[in-house]
Amino acid sequence: MGLFKKKTDADETKCKTCGLELHDAERLKRHIKKAHGHLPAKKMDPSSGEGSLW
C-alpha cells in the first residue's frame, strides 16, 4: 500500500532518461532495461580491413 514509505522513494520511480513516472521501483527497472537497455548497433568501418562481413 505504501503508507510508510519514505518521501525520497518517489525519486526512484521516475526514469532519468525519458521522465516516465512509474508506480513501482521494479517496474522502473524493467522499463529501463526494455526501453533504454539496447545498445546502438556497432557500425562497420569500410576503410578498415578487419571485421568485414564479405
PDB file of N, CA and C in Angstrom:
ATOM      1  N   MET A   1       0.799  -1.177   0.000  1.00  0.00           N
ATOM      2  CA  MET A   1       0.000   0.000   0.000  1.00  0.00           C
ATOM      3  C   MET A   1       0.854   1.257   0.000  1.00  0.00           C
ATOM      4  N   GLY A   2       2.007   1.188   0.585  1.00  0.00           N
ATOM      5  CA  GLY A   2       2.923   2.306   0.525  1.00  0.00           C
ATOM      6  C   GLY A   2       2.655   3.410   1.533  1.00  0.00           C
ATOM      7  N   LEU A   3       2.000   3.114   2.635  1.00  0.00           N
ATOM      8  CA  LEU A   3       1.688   4.148   3.610  1.00  0.00           C
ATOM      9  C   LEU A   3       2.911   4.617   4.379  1.00  0.00           C
ATOM     10  N   PHE A   4       3.890   3.734   4.558  1.00  0.00           N
ATOM     11  CA  PHE A   4       5.026   4.060   5.396  1.00  0.00           C
ATOM     12  C   PHE A   4       6.318   4.199   4.604  1.00  0.00           C
ATOM     13  N   LYS A   5       6.216   4.480   3.324  1.00  0.00           N
ATOM     14  CA  LYS A   5       7.417   4.658   2.511  1.00  0.00           C
ATOM     15  C   LYS A   5       8.012   6.035   2.727  1.00  0.00           C
ATOM     16  N   LYS A   6       9.300   6.146   2.482  1.00  0.00           N
ATOM     17  CA  LYS A   6       9.971   7.428   2.568  1.00  0.00           C
ATOM     18  C   LYS A   6       9.536   8.305   1.402  1.00  0.00           C
ATOM     19  N   LYS A   7       9.600   9.592   1.592  1.00  0.00           N
ATOM     20  CA  LYS A   7       9.237  10.536   0.541  1.00  0.00           C
ATOM     21  C   LYS A   7      10.264  10.522  -0.592  1.00  0.00           C
ATOM     22  N   THR A   8      11.509  10.154  -0.312  1.00  0.00           N
ATOM     23  CA  THR A   8      12.537  10.102  -1.344  1.00  0.00           C
ATOM     24  C   THR A   8      12.334   8.910  -2.270  1.00  0.00           C
ATOM     25  N   ASP A   9      11.447   8.002  -1.904  1.00  0.00           N
ATOM     26  CA  ASP A   9      11.153   6.842  -2.732  1.00  0.00           C
ATOM     27  C   ASP A   9      10.555   7.260  -4.073  1.00  0.00           C
ATOM     28  N   ALA A  10       9.935   8.431  -4.128  1.00  0.00           N
ATOM     29  CA  ALA A  10       9.321   8.910  -5.362  1.00  0.00           C
ATOM     30  C   ALA A  10      10.381   9.144  -6.433  1.00  0.00           C
ATOM     31  N   ASP A  11      11.595   9.519  -6.028  1.00  0.00           N
ATOM     32  CA  ASP A  11      12.660   9.742  -6.998  1.00  0.00           C
ATOM     33  C   ASP A  11      13.077   8.441  -7.678  1.00  0.00           C
ATOM     34  N   GLU A  12      12.882   7.315  -7.004  1.00  0.00           N
ATOM     35  CA  GLU A  12      13.284   6.035  -7.555  1.00  0.00           C
ATOM     36  C   GLU A  12      12.306   5.509  -8.593  1.00  0.00           C
ATOM     37  N   THR A  13      11.159   6.162  -8.750  1.00  0.00           N
ATOM     38  CA  THR A  13      10.157   5.671  -9.694  1.00  0.00           C
ATOM     39  C   THR A  13      10.051   6.535 -10.937  1.00  0.00           C
ATOM     40  N   LYS A  14      10.950   7.488 -11.103  1.00  0.00           N
ATOM     41  CA  LYS A  14      10.929   8.331 -12.290  1.00  0.00           C
ATOM     42  C   LYS A  14      12.155   8.022 -13.140  1.00  0.00           C
ATOM     43  N   CYS A  15      11.917   7.743 -14.407  1.00  0.00           N
ATOM     44  CA  CYS A  15      13.007   7.414 -15.327  1.00  0.00           C
ATOM     45  C   CYS A  15      13.829   8.663 -15.602  1.00  0.00           C
ATOM     46  N   LYS A  16      15.131   8.555 -15.423  1.00  0.00           N
ATOM     47  CA  LYS A  16      16.020   9.698 -15.637  1.00  0.00           C
ATOM     48  C   LYS A  16      16.244   9.974 -17.114  1.00  0.00           C
ATOM     49  N   THR A  17      16.001   8.974 -17.967  1.00  0.00           N
ATOM     50  CA  THR A  17      16.224   9.141 -19.395  1.00  0.00           C
ATOM     51  C   THR A  17      15.066   9.841 -20.087  1.00  0.00           C
ATOM     52  N   CYS A  18      13.837   9.365 -19.836  1.00  0.00           N
ATOM     53  CA  CYS A  18      12.682   9.910 -20.552  1.00  0.00           C
ATOM     54  C   CYS A  18      11.682  10.618 -19.654  1.00  0.00           C
ATOM     55  N   GLY A  19      11.842  10.518 -18.326  1.00  0.00           N
ATOM     56  CA  GLY A  19      10.957  11.215 -17.410  1.00  0.00           C
ATOM     57  C   GLY A  19       9.657  10.496 -17.105  1.00  0.00           C
ATOM     58  N   LEU A  20       9.517   9.255 -17.523  1.00  0.00           N
ATOM     59  CA  LEU A  20       8.300   8.495 -17.274  1.00  0.00           C
ATOM     60  C   LEU A  20       8.181   8.175 -15.796  1.00  0.00           C
ATOM     61  N   GLU A  21       7.013   8.433 -15.233  1.00  0.00           N
ATOM     62  CA  GLU A  21       6.760   8.168 -13.817  1.00  0.00           C
ATOM     63  C   GLU A  21       6.065   6.828 -13.686  1.00  0.00           C
ATOM     64  N   LEU A  22       6.666   5.913 -12.916  1.00  0.00           N
ATOM     65  CA  LEU A  22       6.100   4.594 -12.692  1.00  0.00           C
ATOM     66  C   LEU A  22       5.767   4.439 -11.217  1.00  0.00           C
ATOM     67  N   HIS A  23       4.843   3.553 -10.898  1.00  0.00           N
ATOM     68  CA  HIS A  23       4.380   3.422  -9.522  1.00  0.00           C
ATOM     69  C   HIS A  23       5.207   2.463  -8.674  1.00  0.00           C
ATOM     70  N   ASP A  24       6.164   1.759  -9.278  1.00  0.00           N
ATOM     71  CA  ASP A  24       6.939   0.784  -8.534  1.00  0.00           C
ATOM     72  C   ASP A  24       8.384   0.793  -9.028  1.00  0.00           C
ATOM     73  N   ALA A  25       9.331   0.622  -8.100  1.00  0.00           N
ATOM     74  CA  ALA A  25      10.745   0.628  -8.464  1.00  0.00           C
ATOM     75  C   ALA A  25      11.092  -0.556  -9.364  1.00  0.00           C
ATOM     76  N   GLU A  26      10.440  -1.696  -9.152  1.00  0.00           N
ATOM     77  CA  GLU A  26      10.691  -2.863 -10.005  1.00  0.00           C
ATOM     78  C   GLU A  26      10.222  -2.608 -11.432  1.00  0.00           C
ATOM     79  N   ARG A  27       9.102  -1.932 -11.578  1.00  0.00           N
ATOM     80  CA  ARG A  27       8.618  -1.574 -12.910  1.00  0.00           C
ATOM     81  C   ARG A  27       9.576  -0.616 -13.592  1.00  0.00           C
ATOM     82  N   LEU A  28      10.168   0.282 -12.821  1.00  0.00           N
ATOM     83  CA  LEU A  28      11.149   1.210 -13.379  1.00  0.00           C
ATOM     84  C   LEU A  28      12.356   0.448 -13.905  1.00  0.00           C
ATOM     85  N   LYS A  29      12.831  -0.542 -13.142  1.00  0.00           N
ATOM     86  CA  LYS A  29      13.971  -1.354 -13.595  1.00  0.00           C
ATOM     87  C   LYS A  29      13.653  -2.059 -14.902  1.00  0.00           C
ATOM     88  N   ARG A  30      12.439  -2.647 -14.983  1.00  0.00           N
ATOM     89  CA  ARG A  30      12.046  -3.335 -16.217  1.00  0.00           C
ATOM     90  C   ARG A  30      11.915  -2.360 -17.372  1.00  0.00           C
ATOM     91  N   HIS A  31      11.376  -1.167 -17.111  1.00  0.00           N
ATOM     92  CA  HIS A  31      11.224  -0.156 -18.155  1.00  0.00           C
ATOM     93  C   HIS A  31      12.579   0.263 -18.710  1.00  0.00           C
ATOM     94  N   ILE A  32      13.526   0.531 -17.807  1.00  0.00           N
ATOM     95  CA  ILE A  32      14.857   0.961 -18.242  1.00  0.00           C
ATOM     96  C   ILE A  32      15.525  -0.123 -19.073  1.00  0.00           C
ATOM     97  N   LYS A  33      15.400  -1.363 -18.634  1.00  0.00           N
ATOM     98  CA  LYS A  33      16.014  -2.465 -19.357  1.00  0.00           C
ATOM     99  C   LYS A  33      15.390  -2.641 -20.741  1.00  0.00           C
ATOM    100  N   LYS A  34      14.066  -2.540 -20.817  1.00  0.00           N
ATOM    101  CA  LYS A  34      13.373  -2.775 -22.080  1.00  0.00           C
ATOM    102  C   LYS A  34      13.439  -1.567 -23.018  1.00  0.00           C
ATOM    103  N   ALA A  35      13.231  -0.373 -22.497  1.00  0.00           N
ATOM    104  CA  ALA A  35      13.141   0.810 -23.344  1.00  0.00           C
ATOM    105  C   ALA A  35      14.489   1.460 -23.625  1.00  0.00           C
ATOM    106  N   HIS A  36      15.402   1.397 -22.678  1.00  0.00           N
ATOM    107  CA  HIS A  36      16.670   2.104 -22.821  1.00  0.00           C
ATOM    108  C   HIS A  36      17.875   1.179 -22.733  1.00  0.00           C
ATOM    109  N   GLY A  37      17.659  -0.119 -22.631  1.00  0.00           N
ATOM    110  CA  GLY A  37      18.761  -1.046 -22.420  1.00  0.00           C
ATOM    111  C   GLY A  37      19.495  -1.455 -23.682  1.00  0.00           C
ATOM    112  N   HIS A  38      18.856  -1.262 -24.831  1.00  0.00           N
ATOM    113  CA  HIS A  38      19.508  -1.700 -26.060  1.00  0.00           C
ATOM    114  C   HIS A  38      20.662  -0.770 -26.418  1.00  0.00           C
ATOM    115  N   LEU A  39      21.747  -1.357 -26.856  1.00  0.00           N
ATOM    116  CA  LEU A  39      22.905  -0.586 -27.272  1.00  0.00           C
ATOM    117  C   LEU A  39      22.823  -0.350 -28.771  1.00  0.00           C
ATOM    118  N   PRO A  40      23.262   0.784 -29.244  1.00  0.00           N
ATOM    119  CA  PRO A  40      23.235   1.013 -30.688  1.00  0.00           C
ATOM    120  C   PRO A  40      24.138   0.018 -31.398  1.00  0.00           C
ATOM    121  N   ALA A  41      23.707  -0.397 -32.576  1.00  0.00           N
ATOM    122  CA  ALA A  41      24.476  -1.378 -33.338  1.00  0.00           C
ATOM    123  C   ALA A  41      25.829  -0.792 -33.728  1.00  0.00           C
ATOM    124  N   LYS A  42      26.846  -1.609 -33.633  1.00  0.00           N
ATOM    125  CA  LYS A  42      28.190  -1.165 -33.977  1.00  0.00           C
ATOM    126  C   LYS A  42      28.294  -1.086 -35.492  1.00  0.00           C
ATOM    127  N   LYS A  43      28.655   0.069 -35.975  1.00  0.00           N
ATOM    128  CA  LYS A  43      28.764   0.256 -37.422  1.00  0.00           C
ATOM    129  C   LYS A  43      30.136  -0.195 -37.890  1.00  0.00           C
ATOM    130  N   MET A  44      30.145  -0.840 -39.025  1.00  0.00           N
ATOM    131  CA  MET A  44      31.401  -1.315 -39.593  1.00  0.00           C
ATOM    132  C   MET A  44      32.080  -0.165 -40.330  1.00  0.00           C
ATOM    133  N   ASP A  45      33.363  -0.033 -40.139  1.00  0.00           N
ATOM    134  CA  ASP A  45      34.126   0.996 -40.823  1.00  0.00           C
ATOM    135  C   ASP A  45      34.641   0.409 -42.139  1.00  0.00           C
ATOM    136  N   PRO A  46      34.141   0.894 -43.272  1.00  0.00           N
ATOM    137  CA  PRO A  46      34.554   0.313 -44.550  1.00  0.00           C
ATOM    138  C   PRO A  46      36.027   0.548 -44.875  1.00  0.00           C
ATOM    139  N   SER A  47      36.643   1.564 -44.273  1.00  0.00           N
ATOM    140  CA  SER A  47      38.046   1.833 -44.584  1.00  0.00           C
ATOM    141  C   SER A  47      38.996   0.874 -43.851  1.00  0.00           C
ATOM    142  N   SER A  48      38.525   0.261 -42.779  1.00  0.00           N
ATOM    143  CA  SER A  48      39.395  -0.674 -42.062  1.00  0.00           C
ATOM    144  C   SER A  48      39.244  -2.056 -42.690  1.00  0.00           C
ATOM    145  N   GLY A  49      40.314  -2.774 -42.754  1.00  0.00           N
ATOM    146  CA  GLY A  49      40.305  -4.075 -43.404  1.00  0.00           C
ATOM    147  C   GLY A  49      39.825  -5.195 -42.518  1.00  0.00           C
ATOM    148  N   GLU A  50      39.686  -4.974 -41.238  1.00  0.00           N
ATOM    149  CA  GLU A  50      39.316  -6.053 -40.332  1.00  0.00           C
ATOM    150  C   GLU A  50      37.821  -6.007 -40.009  1.00  0.00           C
ATOM    151  N   GLY A  51      37.232  -7.162 -39.795  1.00  0.00           N
ATOM    152  CA  GLY A  51      35.865  -7.242 -39.363  1.00  0.00           C
ATOM    153  C   GLY A  51      34.831  -7.120 -40.459  1.00  0.00           C
ATOM    154  N   SER A  52      35.216  -7.263 -41.693  1.00  0.00           N
ATOM    155  CA  SER A  52      34.232  -7.141 -42.762  1.00  0.00           C
ATOM    156  C   SER A  52      33.408  -8.421 -42.873  1.00  0.00           C
ATOM    157  N   LEU A  53      32.201  -8.281 -43.359  1.00  0.00           N
ATOM    158  CA  LEU A  53      31.328  -9.435 -43.497  1.00  0.00           C
ATOM    159  C   LEU A  53      31.578 -10.197 -44.785  1.00  0.00           C
ATOM    160  N   TRP A  54      32.238  -9.606 -45.738  1.00  0.00           N
ATOM    161  CA  TRP A  54      32.427 -10.266 -47.038  1.00  0.00           C
ATOM    162  C   TRP A  54      33.810 -10.809 -47.178  1.00  0.00           C
TER     163      TRP A  54
END
